[in-house]
């Protein structure tokens, strides 16, 4: 699903708020972002519940990874694959360590 700027902004704002609340190396789960959406935000995202947004949340997180803003982890290790489609199972996200 292609996101418009308003939809992407909703996801990015929640992601940044949650990530900024955690010091490195603490992580968040993409579902935490999805669960933070209000009913109005879910409507804007074209979803009836938070679970319906998980694919697009993961897409935005992956884009933030590509921009060098976050690291995506699985089982405590940074993922080194090129495509989100190559990842199976739960992922975690953390800010890139500045230092």
Protein backbone atom coordinates (compact mmCIF):
# COMPACT_ATOMS: atom_id res chain seq x y z
CA UNK A 1 0.00 0.00 0.00
CA UNK A 2 1.38 3.39 -0.97
CA UNK A 3 1.07 5.96 1.79
CA UNK A 4 0.31 9.62 1.31
CA UNK A 5 2.23 12.24 3.31
CA UNK A 6 -0.44 12.54 6.02
CA UNK A 7 -0.52 8.78 6.59
CA UNK A 8 3.26 8.48 6.70
CA UNK A 9 3.48 11.44 9.08
CA UNK A 10 1.13 9.75 11.57
CA UNK A 11 3.33 6.65 11.69
CA UNK A 12 6.62 8.58 11.83
CA UNK A 13 5.40 10.83 14.65
CA UNK A 14 4.42 7.89 16.84
CA UNK A 15 7.61 6.00 15.98
CA UNK A 16 9.82 8.97 16.88
CA UNK A 17 7.95 9.65 20.11
CA UNK A 18 8.30 6.05 21.25
CA UNK A 19 11.93 5.77 20.16
CA UNK A 20 12.88 9.04 21.84
CA UNK A 21 11.39 7.74 25.10
CA UNK A 22 13.90 4.86 25.12
CA UNK A 23 17.62 5.24 25.57
CA UNK A 24 19.99 3.20 23.43
CA UNK A 25 20.07 0.15 23.30
CA UNK A 26 16.41 -0.20 24.33
CA UNK A 27 14.02 -1.17 21.54
CA UNK A 28 10.37 -0.86 20.61
CA UNK A 29 8.11 -3.26 18.80
CA UNK A 30 6.32 -2.02 15.67
CA UNK A 31 3.06 -3.09 17.33
CA UNK A 32 3.65 -0.40 19.98
CA UNK A 33 3.47 2.17 17.19
CA UNK A 34 0.31 0.60 15.78
CA UNK A 35 -1.36 0.39 19.20
CA UNK A 36 -0.76 4.11 19.76
CA UNK A 37 -3.02 5.18 16.89
CA UNK A 38 -6.22 7.00 17.79
CA UNK A 39 -9.50 6.09 16.13
CA UNK A 40 -9.17 9.14 13.87
CA UNK A 41 -5.63 8.13 12.90
CA UNK A 42 -6.76 4.58 12.15
CA UNK A 43 -9.46 6.05 9.91
CA UNK A 44 -6.87 8.19 8.09
CA UNK A 45 -4.74 5.08 7.65
CA UNK A 46 -7.72 3.19 6.21
CA UNK A 47 -7.74 0.68 9.07
CA UNK A 48 -10.44 -0.52 11.43
CA UNK A 49 -7.99 -1.70 14.11
CA UNK A 50 -4.28 -1.43 14.92
CA UNK A 51 -3.50 -4.91 13.57
CA UNK A 52 -4.57 -3.75 10.12
CA UNK A 53 -1.68 -1.24 10.13
CA UNK A 54 1.17 -3.61 10.91
CA UNK A 55 2.33 -4.01 7.30
CA UNK A 56 2.52 -0.27 6.69
CA UNK A 57 4.14 0.35 10.08
CA UNK A 58 6.85 -2.17 9.21
CA UNK A 59 7.29 -0.48 5.80
CA UNK A 60 7.83 2.93 7.39
CA UNK A 61 10.24 1.47 9.96
CA UNK A 62 12.17 -0.17 7.10
CA UNK A 63 12.34 3.19 5.28
CA UNK A 64 13.69 4.81 8.46
CA UNK A 65 16.30 2.04 8.58
CA UNK A 66 17.28 2.81 4.98
CA UNK A 67 17.69 6.47 5.92
CA UNK A 68 20.03 5.48 8.75
CA UNK A 69 17.65 6.65 11.50
CA UNK A 70 16.99 3.28 13.15
CA UNK A 71 18.30 -0.26 13.41
CA UNK A 72 15.98 -3.22 12.93
CA UNK A 73 16.70 -6.25 15.08
CA UNK A 74 15.58 -9.83 15.31
CA UNK A 75 16.48 -12.05 18.26
CA UNK A 76 18.69 -9.25 19.59
CA UNK A 77 20.82 -8.99 16.43
CA UNK A 78 20.79 -6.20 13.84
CA UNK A 79 19.23 -7.46 10.61
CA UNK A 80 21.52 -7.24 7.59
CA UNK A 81 19.12 -8.25 4.81
CA UNK A 82 18.28 -5.93 1.93
CA UNK A 83 14.52 -6.43 1.71
CA UNK A 84 11.75 -6.35 4.27
CA UNK A 85 10.17 -9.29 2.43
CA UNK A 86 13.15 -11.43 3.49
CA UNK A 87 12.24 -11.05 7.17
CA UNK A 88 9.95 -13.58 8.82
CA UNK A 89 8.74 -13.20 12.38
CA UNK A 90 8.84 -10.42 14.94
CA UNK A 91 11.22 -7.50 14.72
CA UNK A 92 12.36 -4.81 17.15
CA UNK A 93 13.48 -1.26 16.41
CA UNK A 94 15.95 1.07 18.12
CA UNK A 95 17.55 4.42 17.47
CA UNK A 96 20.99 4.34 15.89
CA UNK A 97 23.66 4.82 18.56
CA UNK A 98 25.17 8.28 18.39
CA UNK A 99 28.62 7.94 19.82
